[in-house]
């Protein structure tokens, strides 16, 4: 039994008025690819949120490639989707939760605990033969009100001045962590003292949690007093935060600016 995951059949069984479905498919290489895929076909009734336009803030010299969005703007956008405080939000992508985990974290950061990620993403939904269409859903204004939890986020200064017993988790693939390659940011490497837990190993190739590995994966860290998690820009780090939450550590914090913020000072 998982707290923050839902299967396609379980989602399909939920009455429409009880849930809001959000499609978050995206590509860092082609930022319109996800929206184009949504317009061609999506889970019936699903809305689309764009990583750059809806789920990230304005870029600056520092702060990272995907800074957190403005709270009031995101609250307004979620209200436009018809989200009410008592509704379940189900989020999906088709990239092993790489982009779905970000809004999962953001919604909980804003105080909305009723949120789950669809295991297997859109492909699993299609393979189950469940309803898809290309229609834009019609929504009435929702009443969702945000109650942010700023203590869930750490700044560069907090990472730099972290306690000696704090564990800093780098979520990028091993080659980027080791500084062997850096396809996105101008500087390669990792924050000194960070340990590497690549986000891709949270799921299998079908985008489903490797459930029997959740506890063993984090076992050595579960007793740590404080956990901080980062990636390249604060997006895929949320996959590790989701996995940690499933393992019982819902208090792990996000360095939202991540390596793209850190290396902007180097």
Protein backbone atom coordinates (compact mmCIF):
# COMPACT_ATOMS: atom_id res chain seq x y z
CA UNK A 1 0.00 0.00 0.00
CA UNK A 2 1.36 3.40 -0.98
CA UNK A 3 0.31 6.84 0.21
CA UNK A 4 1.06 8.99 -2.80
CA UNK A 5 0.69 6.62 -5.78
CA UNK A 6 -2.40 5.45 -7.63
CA UNK A 7 -2.92 2.82 -10.32
CA UNK A 8 -4.78 3.50 -13.59
CA UNK A 9 -7.69 1.23 -12.59
CA UNK A 10 -8.03 2.90 -9.18
CA UNK A 11 -8.09 6.34 -10.83
CA UNK A 12 -10.66 5.22 -13.38
CA UNK A 13 -12.94 4.06 -10.55
CA UNK A 14 -13.06 7.49 -8.91
CA UNK A 15 -16.13 9.66 -9.60
CA UNK A 16 -15.27 12.71 -11.69
CA UNK A 17 -16.36 15.22 -9.08
CA UNK A 18 -13.97 13.75 -6.54
CA UNK A 19 -10.75 14.31 -8.47
CA UNK A 20 -8.82 16.70 -10.66
CA UNK A 21 -6.41 15.12 -13.17
CA UNK A 22 -3.32 17.02 -14.32
CA UNK A 23 -1.16 16.12 -17.32
CA UNK A 24 2.44 17.32 -16.85
CA UNK A 25 4.20 15.76 -19.81
CA UNK A 26 7.24 17.81 -20.79
CA UNK A 27 10.61 17.69 -22.54
CA UNK A 28 13.63 19.78 -21.66
CA UNK A 29 14.79 19.44 -25.28
CA UNK A 30 11.49 20.58 -26.82
CA UNK A 31 9.46 22.60 -24.31
CA UNK A 32 6.31 22.38 -26.43
CA UNK A 33 6.43 18.60 -26.87
CA UNK A 34 4.39 17.87 -23.76
CA UNK A 35 1.65 20.34 -24.58
CA UNK A 36 1.52 19.08 -28.15
CA UNK A 37 1.15 15.50 -26.91
CA UNK A 38 -1.61 16.61 -24.55
CA UNK A 39 -3.47 18.33 -27.37
CA UNK A 40 -3.29 15.17 -29.45
CA UNK A 41 -4.47 12.82 -26.71
CA UNK A 42 -4.75 12.75 -22.93
CA UNK A 43 -6.67 11.10 -20.11
CA UNK A 44 -10.30 12.12 -20.54
CA UNK A 45 -10.97 15.19 -18.40
CA UNK A 46 -7.31 15.96 -17.69
CA UNK A 47 -5.96 19.50 -17.58
CA UNK A 48 -2.46 20.48 -18.69
CA UNK A 49 0.17 22.32 -16.65
CA UNK A 50 3.40 23.45 -18.30
CA UNK A 51 6.66 23.16 -16.37
CA UNK A 52 8.00 26.54 -17.49
CA UNK A 53 4.76 28.53 -17.62
CA UNK A 54 2.78 27.14 -14.68
CA UNK A 55 5.12 25.24 -12.39
CA UNK A 56 8.17 27.52 -12.38
CA UNK A 57 8.86 31.15 -11.62
CA UNK A 58 10.79 33.85 -13.47
CA UNK A 59 14.43 33.07 -14.14
CA UNK A 60 17.17 35.42 -12.92
CA UNK A 61 20.96 35.45 -12.70
CA UNK A 62 20.68 33.21 -9.64
CA UNK A 63 17.94 30.94 -8.38
CA UNK A 64 18.22 28.13 -10.90
CA UNK A 65 16.68 27.13 -14.21
CA UNK A 66 13.29 26.29 -12.69
CA UNK A 67 12.73 28.53 -9.65
CA UNK A 68 9.59 27.89 -7.64
CA UNK A 69 6.47 29.59 -9.03
CA UNK A 70 4.79 32.52 -7.35
CA UNK A 71 2.40 31.13 -4.74
CA UNK A 72 -0.53 33.37 -5.63
CA UNK A 73 -0.16 32.75 -9.35
CA UNK A 74 -0.10 28.99 -8.90
CA UNK A 75 -3.05 29.15 -6.51
CA UNK A 76 -5.01 31.09 -9.14
CA UNK A 77 -4.04 28.63 -11.87
CA UNK A 78 -5.17 25.67 -9.75
CA UNK A 79 -8.46 27.44 -9.01
CA UNK A 80 -8.92 27.84 -12.77
CA UNK A 81 -8.70 24.06 -13.07
CA UNK A 82 -11.62 23.83 -10.67
CA UNK A 83 -9.58 22.57 -7.74
CA UNK A 84 -11.35 22.62 -4.39
CA UNK A 85 -9.69 22.05 -1.04
CA UNK A 86 -11.38 18.69 -0.53
CA UNK A 87 -10.57 17.15 -3.93
CA UNK A 88 -7.96 14.58 -4.82
CA UNK A 89 -5.42 15.68 -7.41
CA UNK A 90 -3.89 12.98 -9.62
CA UNK A 91 -0.86 13.95 -11.68
CA UNK A 92 0.79 12.08 -14.52
CA UNK A 93 3.52 12.34 -17.11
CA UNK A 94 5.17 9.75 -19.35
CA UNK A 95 8.75 10.20 -18.18
CA UNK A 96 8.99 8.00 -15.07
CA UNK A 97 7.57 10.75 -12.81
CA UNK A 98 10.34 13.20 -13.78
CA UNK A 99 7.81 16.00 -14.22
CA UNK A 100 4.76 14.71 -12.32
CA UNK A 101 6.67 14.68 -9.03
CA UNK A 102 7.24 18.44 -9.21
CA UNK A 103 3.54 19.42 -8.96
CA UNK A 104 3.03 16.58 -6.45
CA UNK A 105 5.59 18.32 -4.24
CA UNK A 106 4.30 21.81 -5.03
CA UNK A 107 0.72 20.97 -4.09
CA UNK A 108 1.80 19.54 -0.75
CA UNK A 109 4.11 22.53 -0.24
CA UNK A 110 1.03 24.71 -0.74
CA UNK A 111 -0.87 22.70 1.87
CA UNK A 112 -2.91 20.37 -0.35
CA UNK A 113 -2.21 16.86 0.96
CA UNK A 114 -4.71 15.00 -1.23
CA UNK A 115 -2.43 14.45 -4.19
CA UNK A 116 -1.17 11.30 -5.92
CA UNK A 117 1.00 10.40 -8.89
CA UNK A 118 -0.26 7.94 -11.51
CA UNK A 119 1.99 4.88 -11.64
CA UNK A 120 3.15 4.11 -15.13
CA UNK A 121 1.93 7.48 -16.41
CA UNK A 122 -0.01 7.96 -19.59
CA UNK A 123 1.36 4.81 -21.21
CA UNK A 124 -0.04 2.63 -18.42
CA UNK A 125 -3.43 4.33 -18.76
CA UNK A 126 -3.48 3.69 -22.51
CA UNK A 127 -2.32 0.10 -22.13
CA UNK A 128 -5.19 -0.50 -19.71
CA UNK A 129 -7.61 0.61 -22.44
CA UNK A 130 -9.01 3.45 -20.34
CA UNK A 131 -10.72 6.58 -21.78
CA UNK A 132 -8.61 9.12 -23.66
CA UNK A 133 -9.60 12.09 -25.80
CA UNK A 134 -8.29 15.42 -27.08
CA UNK A 135 -11.02 17.61 -25.62
CA UNK A 136 -10.22 20.55 -23.38
CA UNK A 137 -12.06 20.11 -20.06
CA UNK A 138 -14.52 22.75 -18.86
CA UNK A 139 -14.15 23.76 -15.23
CA UNK A 140 -15.89 26.05 -12.79
CA UNK A 141 -13.79 28.21 -10.48
CA UNK A 142 -12.33 26.20 -7.59
CA UNK A 143 -11.92 27.36 -4.00
CA UNK A 144 -8.41 26.06 -3.32
CA UNK A 145 -6.49 28.31 -0.94
CA UNK A 146 -2.74 27.89 -0.50
CA UNK A 147 -1.04 27.62 2.89
CA UNK A 148 2.66 27.48 1.98
CA UNK A 149 5.24 25.62 4.05
CA UNK A 150 8.42 27.67 3.57
CA UNK A 151 10.34 25.40 5.94
CA UNK A 152 10.22 22.70 3.22
CA UNK A 153 12.66 24.73 1.07
CA UNK A 154 16.31 25.50 1.69
CA UNK A 155 18.44 28.20 0.10
CA UNK A 156 22.03 28.07 -1.10
CA UNK A 157 23.12 29.66 2.17
CA UNK A 158 21.30 27.01 4.20
CA UNK A 159 22.94 24.26 2.16
CA UNK A 160 26.33 25.91 2.56
CA UNK A 161 25.84 26.26 6.33
CA UNK A 162 24.11 22.93 6.91
CA UNK A 163 24.83 20.97 10.06
CA UNK A 164 27.56 18.35 9.94
CA UNK A 165 25.02 15.53 10.35
CA UNK A 166 22.73 16.77 7.56
CA UNK A 167 22.67 14.49 4.51
CA UNK A 168 22.68 16.29 1.17
CA UNK A 169 21.30 14.14 -1.67
CA UNK A 170 22.21 14.75 -5.32
CA UNK A 171 19.46 13.28 -7.50
CA UNK A 172 21.17 13.50 -10.88
CA UNK A 173 22.58 10.57 -12.84
CA UNK A 174 26.02 9.37 -11.74
CA UNK A 175 27.94 10.86 -14.68
CA UNK A 176 26.69 14.36 -13.90
CA UNK A 177 27.28 13.92 -10.18
CA UNK A 178 30.84 12.78 -10.88
CA UNK A 179 31.43 15.71 -13.22
CA UNK A 180 32.12 13.44 -16.19
CA UNK A 181 29.48 15.18 -18.27
CA UNK A 182 27.17 18.17 -17.97
CA UNK A 183 24.68 18.52 -20.83
CA UNK A 184 22.67 21.41 -19.38
CA UNK A 185 24.48 23.60 -16.86
CA UNK A 186 27.69 25.58 -17.58
CA UNK A 187 29.71 23.92 -14.80
CA UNK A 188 30.11 20.20 -14.08
CA UNK A 189 30.44 18.55 -10.68
CA UNK A 190 28.46 18.39 -7.45
CA UNK A 191 28.10 20.17 -4.14
CA UNK A 192 30.87 19.12 -1.79
CA UNK A 193 29.72 16.45 0.63
CA UNK A 194 26.64 15.40 -1.35
CA UNK A 195 25.80 11.73 -1.82
CA UNK A 196 24.40 10.44 -5.10
CA UNK A 197 20.97 8.77 -5.39
CA UNK A 198 19.92 9.08 -9.07
CA UNK A 199 16.20 9.76 -9.44
CA UNK A 200 15.85 7.22 -12.28
CA UNK A 201 16.38 4.28 -9.93
CA UNK A 202 13.17 5.11 -8.04
CA UNK A 203 11.07 3.57 -10.84
CA UNK A 204 11.37 0.80 -13.38
CA UNK A 205 11.41 1.44 -17.13
CA UNK A 206 7.60 1.50 -17.17
CA UNK A 207 7.52 4.34 -14.64
CA UNK A 208 6.28 2.26 -11.71
CA UNK A 209 7.80 2.36 -8.24
CA UNK A 210 10.16 -0.48 -7.41
CA UNK A 211 8.24 -0.92 -4.16
CA UNK A 212 10.40 -3.61 -2.61
CA UNK A 213 13.40 -1.28 -2.94
CA UNK A 214 11.90 1.85 -1.35
CA UNK A 215 12.94 1.08 2.22
CA UNK A 216 16.32 -0.58 1.35
CA UNK A 217 17.20 2.35 -0.95
CA UNK A 218 16.97 4.86 1.89
CA UNK A 219 17.70 2.61 4.86
CA UNK A 220 21.08 4.15 5.65
CA UNK A 221 19.59 7.66 5.64
CA UNK A 222 16.25 7.21 7.40
CA UNK A 223 17.69 7.87 10.84
CA UNK A 224 19.45 11.08 9.75
CA UNK A 225 18.27 14.20 11.54
CA UNK A 226 17.93 16.28 8.37
CA UNK A 227 17.80 15.48 4.67
CA UNK A 228 18.23 18.00 1.86
CA UNK A 229 17.64 17.02 -1.77
CA UNK A 230 18.70 18.67 -5.02
CA UNK A 231 19.11 17.88 -8.72
CA UNK A 232 19.86 20.08 -11.71
CA UNK A 233 17.06 22.60 -11.29
CA UNK A 234 14.75 21.35 -8.54
CA UNK A 235 12.49 19.22 -10.74
CA UNK A 236 13.68 15.60 -10.71
CA UNK A 237 14.78 15.98 -7.08
CA UNK A 238 11.05 15.71 -6.36
CA UNK A 239 11.10 12.08 -7.56
CA UNK A 240 13.50 11.33 -4.71
CA UNK A 241 11.34 13.39 -2.34
CA UNK A 242 8.36 11.27 -3.37
CA UNK A 243 10.33 8.09 -2.75
CA UNK A 244 11.53 9.39 0.62
CA UNK A 245 7.95 10.27 1.59
CA UNK A 246 6.88 6.72 0.74
CA UNK A 247 9.71 5.48 2.97
CA UNK A 248 8.42 7.60 5.85
CA UNK A 249 10.64 10.68 5.54
CA UNK A 250 8.16 13.36 4.54
CA UNK A 251 10.33 16.02 6.17
CA UNK A 252 13.13 15.95 3.57
CA UNK A 253 13.75 19.45 2.21
CA UNK A 254 14.20 20.69 -1.34
CA UNK A 255 17.07 22.90 -2.44
CA UNK A 256 14.90 24.43 -5.13
CA UNK A 257 17.66 26.21 -7.03
CA UNK A 258 19.73 23.00 -7.07
CA UNK A 259 22.96 22.67 -9.05
CA UNK A 260 21.91 25.31 -11.62
CA UNK A 261 21.72 27.86 -8.79
CA UNK A 262 24.80 26.59 -6.99
CA UNK A 263 27.06 26.68 -10.03
CA UNK A 264 25.86 30.19 -10.95
CA UNK A 265 28.04 31.43 -8.08
CA UNK A 266 31.15 29.50 -9.16
